[in-house]
Amino acid sequence: MTFTTQYPMFIVIQTMPDDIALMDLVNGDAKTKGVAVFTDRDGAEEFRDKYHPSFSIAPLSNETAFANLLTILKNVVTEVVFDPYRIGKRTQTITVTEMLAQLPPSTLP
């Protein structure tokens, strides 16, 4: 699966990496964690207001920022969850490993 991303994207965060908005994901008996990433600020704000009201919104302004985030979190989460709980938007997931493989090598730390 190939993802095309446009920047900026947004995350809900308090401090890195311990207080970033993570999601518990269940697929059958398997339980994993994912990082919520939003394609627009409004979606990030809605998610923050509902689930993490004391957190802030942080932009991911380019592929390098996104690659850095995923590299920091790759031992904590297995999935990237795009636009969770957005009415009118289909939530999409991809593994952190697959997403990192799709980013240009020059953006990887």
N, C-alpha and C. Protein backbone atom coordinates (compact mmCIF):
# COMPACT_ATOMS: atom_id res chain seq x y z
N MET A 1 0.84 -1.17 0.00
CA MET A 1 0.00 0.00 0.00
C MET A 1 0.89 1.24 0.00
N THR A 2 0.58 2.19 -0.86
CA THR A 2 1.36 3.41 -0.94
C THR A 2 0.51 4.58 -0.44
N PHE A 3 1.10 5.40 0.40
CA PHE A 3 0.44 6.59 0.92
C PHE A 3 1.09 7.82 0.31
N THR A 4 0.26 8.75 -0.07
CA THR A 4 0.73 10.05 -0.50
C THR A 4 0.37 11.03 0.60
N THR A 5 1.34 11.72 1.12
CA THR A 5 1.09 12.65 2.21
C THR A 5 1.34 14.07 1.74
N GLN A 6 0.54 14.98 2.28
CA GLN A 6 0.72 16.40 2.02
C GLN A 6 0.99 17.08 3.35
N TYR A 7 1.78 18.09 3.31
CA TYR A 7 2.19 18.77 4.54
C TYR A 7 1.65 20.19 4.54
N PRO A 8 1.37 20.74 5.71
CA PRO A 8 1.66 20.14 7.00
C PRO A 8 0.62 19.10 7.40
N MET A 9 1.05 18.16 8.26
CA MET A 9 0.15 17.26 8.97
C MET A 9 0.27 17.66 10.44
N PHE A 10 -0.59 17.10 11.27
CA PHE A 10 -0.63 17.53 12.66
C PHE A 10 -0.72 16.35 13.61
N ILE A 11 -0.11 16.52 14.78
CA ILE A 11 -0.22 15.53 15.85
C ILE A 11 -0.70 16.23 17.12
N VAL A 12 -1.22 15.43 18.04
CA VAL A 12 -1.67 15.94 19.33
C VAL A 12 -0.63 15.51 20.34
N ILE A 13 -0.06 16.48 21.06
CA ILE A 13 1.13 16.19 21.86
C ILE A 13 1.17 17.06 23.11
N GLN A 14 1.80 16.50 24.14
CA GLN A 14 2.14 17.31 25.31
C GLN A 14 3.66 17.42 25.37
N THR A 15 4.35 16.29 25.50
CA THR A 15 5.81 16.25 25.39
C THR A 15 6.18 14.98 24.66
N MET A 16 7.31 15.00 23.97
CA MET A 16 7.75 13.83 23.21
C MET A 16 8.62 12.93 24.07
N PRO A 17 8.62 11.63 23.92
CA PRO A 17 7.62 10.87 23.19
C PRO A 17 6.54 10.32 24.12
N ASP A 18 6.64 10.64 25.41
CA ASP A 18 5.75 10.01 26.39
C ASP A 18 4.33 10.52 26.37
N ASP A 19 4.10 11.74 25.99
CA ASP A 19 2.77 12.31 26.05
C ASP A 19 2.29 12.75 24.67
N ILE A 20 2.31 11.82 23.75
CA ILE A 20 1.76 12.05 22.43
C ILE A 20 0.48 11.23 22.35
N ALA A 21 -0.49 11.69 21.59
CA ALA A 21 -1.76 10.99 21.49
C ALA A 21 -1.58 9.66 20.77
N LEU A 22 -1.63 8.57 21.53
CA LEU A 22 -1.53 7.23 20.98
C LEU A 22 -2.90 6.58 21.01
N MET A 23 -3.09 5.58 20.18
CA MET A 23 -4.36 4.87 20.11
C MET A 23 -4.12 3.40 20.34
N ASP A 24 -5.01 2.79 21.10
CA ASP A 24 -5.00 1.34 21.25
C ASP A 24 -5.74 0.74 20.06
N LEU A 25 -5.09 -0.16 19.35
CA LEU A 25 -5.67 -0.78 18.17
C LEU A 25 -5.86 -2.27 18.43
N VAL A 26 -6.97 -2.81 17.99
CA VAL A 26 -7.26 -4.23 18.16
C VAL A 26 -7.61 -4.81 16.81
N ASN A 27 -6.93 -5.90 16.45
CA ASN A 27 -7.22 -6.62 15.23
C ASN A 27 -7.31 -8.10 15.60
N GLY A 28 -8.52 -8.59 15.82
CA GLY A 28 -8.69 -9.94 16.32
C GLY A 28 -8.18 -10.01 17.74
N ASP A 29 -7.25 -10.91 17.99
CA ASP A 29 -6.64 -11.02 19.32
C ASP A 29 -5.41 -10.14 19.49
N ALA A 30 -4.95 -9.56 18.40
CA ALA A 30 -3.73 -8.74 18.44
C ALA A 30 -4.05 -7.32 18.91
N LYS A 31 -3.25 -6.85 19.85
CA LYS A 31 -3.39 -5.48 20.34
C LYS A 31 -2.09 -4.73 20.08
N THR A 32 -2.21 -3.57 19.49
CA THR A 32 -1.04 -2.76 19.18
C THR A 32 -1.34 -1.31 19.53
N LYS A 33 -0.35 -0.46 19.31
CA LYS A 33 -0.52 0.98 19.51
C LYS A 33 -0.23 1.69 18.20
N GLY A 34 -0.94 2.80 18.01
CA GLY A 34 -0.73 3.62 16.83
C GLY A 34 -0.62 5.08 17.22
N VAL A 35 0.02 5.86 16.38
CA VAL A 35 0.11 7.30 16.59
C VAL A 35 -0.93 7.96 15.68
N ALA A 36 -1.73 8.86 16.26
CA ALA A 36 -2.74 9.59 15.50
C ALA A 36 -2.10 10.75 14.76
N VAL A 37 -2.29 10.78 13.44
CA VAL A 37 -1.76 11.85 12.59
C VAL A 37 -2.94 12.41 11.79
N PHE A 38 -3.00 13.73 11.71
CA PHE A 38 -4.14 14.37 11.06
C PHE A 38 -3.70 15.17 9.85
N THR A 39 -4.55 15.12 8.82
CA THR A 39 -4.23 15.81 7.58
C THR A 39 -4.69 17.26 7.60
N ASP A 40 -5.42 17.66 8.64
CA ASP A 40 -5.78 19.07 8.79
C ASP A 40 -5.84 19.43 10.27
N ARG A 41 -5.64 20.68 10.55
CA ARG A 41 -5.59 21.17 11.93
C ARG A 41 -6.93 20.99 12.64
N ASP A 42 -8.04 21.20 11.92
CA ASP A 42 -9.37 21.06 12.53
C ASP A 42 -9.57 19.66 13.09
N GLY A 43 -9.15 18.65 12.34
CA GLY A 43 -9.27 17.27 12.81
C GLY A 43 -8.46 17.02 14.06
N ALA A 44 -7.24 17.55 14.08
CA ALA A 44 -6.38 17.40 15.26
C ALA A 44 -7.00 18.09 16.46
N GLU A 45 -7.58 19.27 16.25
CA GLU A 45 -8.20 20.00 17.35
C GLU A 45 -9.43 19.27 17.90
N GLU A 46 -10.25 18.72 17.00
CA GLU A 46 -11.42 17.95 17.44
C GLU A 46 -10.99 16.75 18.29
N PHE A 47 -10.00 16.02 17.81
CA PHE A 47 -9.49 14.85 18.53
C PHE A 47 -8.92 15.26 19.88
N ARG A 48 -8.12 16.32 19.90
CA ARG A 48 -7.54 16.81 21.14
C ARG A 48 -8.63 17.21 22.13
N ASP A 49 -9.60 17.99 21.67
CA ASP A 49 -10.66 18.48 22.56
C ASP A 49 -11.45 17.33 23.18
N LYS A 50 -11.64 16.26 22.43
CA LYS A 50 -12.43 15.13 22.93
C LYS A 50 -11.62 14.18 23.81
N TYR A 51 -10.37 13.90 23.44
CA TYR A 51 -9.61 12.85 24.12
C TYR A 51 -8.43 13.35 24.97
N HIS A 52 -7.87 14.49 24.65
CA HIS A 52 -6.68 15.00 25.35
C HIS A 52 -6.75 16.52 25.49
N PRO A 53 -7.73 17.04 26.24
CA PRO A 53 -7.94 18.49 26.26
C PRO A 53 -6.75 19.31 26.78
N SER A 54 -5.86 18.71 27.53
CA SER A 54 -4.71 19.48 28.04
C SER A 54 -3.52 19.46 27.09
N PHE A 55 -3.63 18.75 25.98
CA PHE A 55 -2.54 18.64 25.04
C PHE A 55 -2.56 19.79 24.03
N SER A 56 -1.52 19.87 23.21
CA SER A 56 -1.39 20.90 22.18
C SER A 56 -1.37 20.25 20.80
N ILE A 57 -1.48 21.09 19.79
CA ILE A 57 -1.36 20.64 18.40
C ILE A 57 0.03 21.01 17.91
N ALA A 58 0.71 20.06 17.29
CA ALA A 58 2.03 20.32 16.72
C ALA A 58 2.01 19.98 15.23
N PRO A 59 2.52 20.87 14.41
CA PRO A 59 2.56 20.57 12.98
C PRO A 59 3.77 19.71 12.62
N LEU A 60 3.57 18.87 11.64
CA LEU A 60 4.67 18.16 10.98
C LEU A 60 4.79 18.85 9.62
N SER A 61 5.77 19.71 9.49
CA SER A 61 5.80 20.61 8.34
C SER A 61 6.36 20.00 7.06
N ASN A 62 7.05 18.85 7.19
CA ASN A 62 7.65 18.25 6.00
C ASN A 62 7.98 16.78 6.26
N GLU A 63 8.50 16.11 5.24
CA GLU A 63 8.82 14.68 5.35
C GLU A 63 9.88 14.40 6.40
N THR A 64 10.82 15.31 6.56
CA THR A 64 11.87 15.11 7.56
C THR A 64 11.29 15.11 8.97
N ALA A 65 10.38 16.03 9.26
CA ALA A 65 9.73 16.07 10.58
C ALA A 65 8.92 14.80 10.81
N PHE A 66 8.22 14.33 9.78
CA PHE A 66 7.43 13.11 9.89
C PHE A 66 8.35 11.90 10.12
N ALA A 67 9.43 11.82 9.36
CA ALA A 67 10.39 10.72 9.53
C ALA A 67 11.01 10.73 10.92
N ASN A 68 11.35 11.91 11.43
CA ASN A 68 11.90 12.01 12.78
C ASN A 68 10.90 11.51 13.82
N LEU A 69 9.64 11.93 13.69
CA LEU A 69 8.60 11.47 14.62
C LEU A 69 8.50 9.95 14.61
N LEU A 70 8.40 9.36 13.42
CA LEU A 70 8.24 7.91 13.32
C LEU A 70 9.47 7.17 13.84
N THR A 71 10.64 7.71 13.61
CA THR A 71 11.87 7.09 14.10
C THR A 71 11.90 7.10 15.63
N ILE A 72 11.49 8.21 16.23
CA ILE A 72 11.45 8.30 17.69
C ILE A 72 10.43 7.31 18.27
N LEU A 73 9.30 7.16 17.59
CA LEU A 73 8.20 6.34 18.13
C LEU A 73 8.23 4.87 17.70
N LYS A 74 9.14 4.48 16.81
CA LYS A 74 9.04 3.13 16.24
C LYS A 74 9.17 2.00 17.25
N ASN A 75 9.71 2.27 18.42
CA ASN A 75 9.76 1.23 19.46
C ASN A 75 8.55 1.29 20.39
N VAL A 76 7.67 2.28 20.18
CA VAL A 76 6.49 2.46 21.04
C VAL A 76 5.21 2.09 20.31
N VAL A 77 5.14 2.41 19.01
CA VAL A 77 3.94 2.15 18.21
C VAL A 77 4.30 1.31 16.99
N THR A 78 3.29 0.63 16.48
CA THR A 78 3.50 -0.15 15.26
C THR A 78 2.76 0.42 14.06
N GLU A 79 1.78 1.30 14.30
CA GLU A 79 0.93 1.82 13.23
C GLU A 79 0.88 3.34 13.23
N VAL A 80 0.70 3.90 12.05
CA VAL A 80 0.35 5.30 11.88
C VAL A 80 -1.14 5.30 11.52
N VAL A 81 -1.92 6.08 12.27
CA VAL A 81 -3.37 6.14 12.06
C VAL A 81 -3.71 7.54 11.55
N PHE A 82 -4.11 7.62 10.29
CA PHE A 82 -4.43 8.91 9.69
C PHE A 82 -5.91 9.25 9.91
N ASP A 83 -6.16 10.43 10.45
CA ASP A 83 -7.51 10.99 10.62
C ASP A 83 -8.48 10.07 11.36
N PRO A 84 -8.12 9.62 12.56
CA PRO A 84 -9.05 8.77 13.31
C PRO A 84 -10.29 9.55 13.75
N TYR A 85 -11.42 8.86 13.74
CA TYR A 85 -12.70 9.39 14.24
C TYR A 85 -13.16 10.64 13.52
N ARG A 86 -12.83 10.80 12.26
CA ARG A 86 -13.26 11.98 11.51
C ARG A 86 -14.49 11.63 10.68
N ILE A 87 -15.57 12.33 10.92
CA ILE A 87 -16.76 12.14 10.11
C ILE A 87 -16.45 12.63 8.70
N GLY A 88 -16.76 11.81 7.73
CA GLY A 88 -16.53 12.18 6.34
C GLY A 88 -15.14 11.85 5.83
N LYS A 89 -14.26 11.35 6.71
CA LYS A 89 -12.92 10.94 6.27
C LYS A 89 -12.72 9.49 6.69
N ARG A 90 -12.19 8.72 5.80
CA ARG A 90 -11.92 7.31 6.09
C ARG A 90 -10.59 7.20 6.82
N THR A 91 -10.64 6.60 8.00
CA THR A 91 -9.40 6.37 8.75
C THR A 91 -8.56 5.35 7.99
N GLN A 92 -7.29 5.66 7.82
CA GLN A 92 -6.38 4.74 7.15
C GLN A 92 -5.19 4.46 8.07
N THR A 93 -4.70 3.25 8.03
CA THR A 93 -3.54 2.89 8.84
C THR A 93 -2.46 2.28 7.94
N ILE A 94 -1.24 2.44 8.39
CA ILE A 94 -0.08 1.84 7.74
C ILE A 94 0.93 1.58 8.84
N THR A 95 1.72 0.53 8.71
CA THR A 95 2.72 0.27 9.74
C THR A 95 3.80 1.34 9.68
N VAL A 96 4.40 1.58 10.83
CA VAL A 96 5.49 2.56 10.90
C VAL A 96 6.61 2.14 9.95
N THR A 97 6.92 0.86 9.91
CA THR A 97 7.98 0.35 9.04
C THR A 97 7.68 0.64 7.57
N GLU A 98 6.43 0.36 7.15
CA GLU A 98 6.04 0.62 5.76
C GLU A 98 6.09 2.12 5.44
N MET A 99 5.62 2.94 6.38
CA MET A 99 5.60 4.39 6.14
C MET A 99 7.02 4.93 6.02
N LEU A 100 7.90 4.49 6.91
CA LEU A 100 9.30 4.94 6.83
C LEU A 100 9.93 4.51 5.51
N ALA A 101 9.60 3.32 5.03
CA ALA A 101 10.16 2.82 3.77
C ALA A 101 9.69 3.66 2.57
N GLN A 102 8.54 4.31 2.70
CA GLN A 102 8.01 5.11 1.60
C GLN A 102 8.55 6.54 1.58
N LEU A 103 9.16 6.96 2.67
CA LEU A 103 9.71 8.31 2.73
C LEU A 103 11.07 8.33 2.05
N PRO A 104 11.41 9.42 1.40
CA PRO A 104 12.71 9.50 0.71
C PRO A 104 13.87 9.27 1.68
N PRO A 105 14.88 8.51 1.29
CA PRO A 105 16.02 8.24 2.17
C PRO A 105 16.67 9.50 2.73
N SER A 106 16.64 10.58 1.96
CA SER A 106 17.27 11.81 2.43
C SER A 106 16.56 12.42 3.63
N THR A 107 15.32 11.99 3.91
CA THR A 107 14.57 12.55 5.03
C THR A 107 14.78 11.75 6.32
N LEU A 108 15.36 10.56 6.20
CA LEU A 108 15.50 9.69 7.36
C LEU A 108 16.70 10.10 8.21
N PRO A 109 16.50 10.06 9.54
CA PRO A 109 17.62 10.42 10.43
C PRO A 109 18.75 9.42 10.37
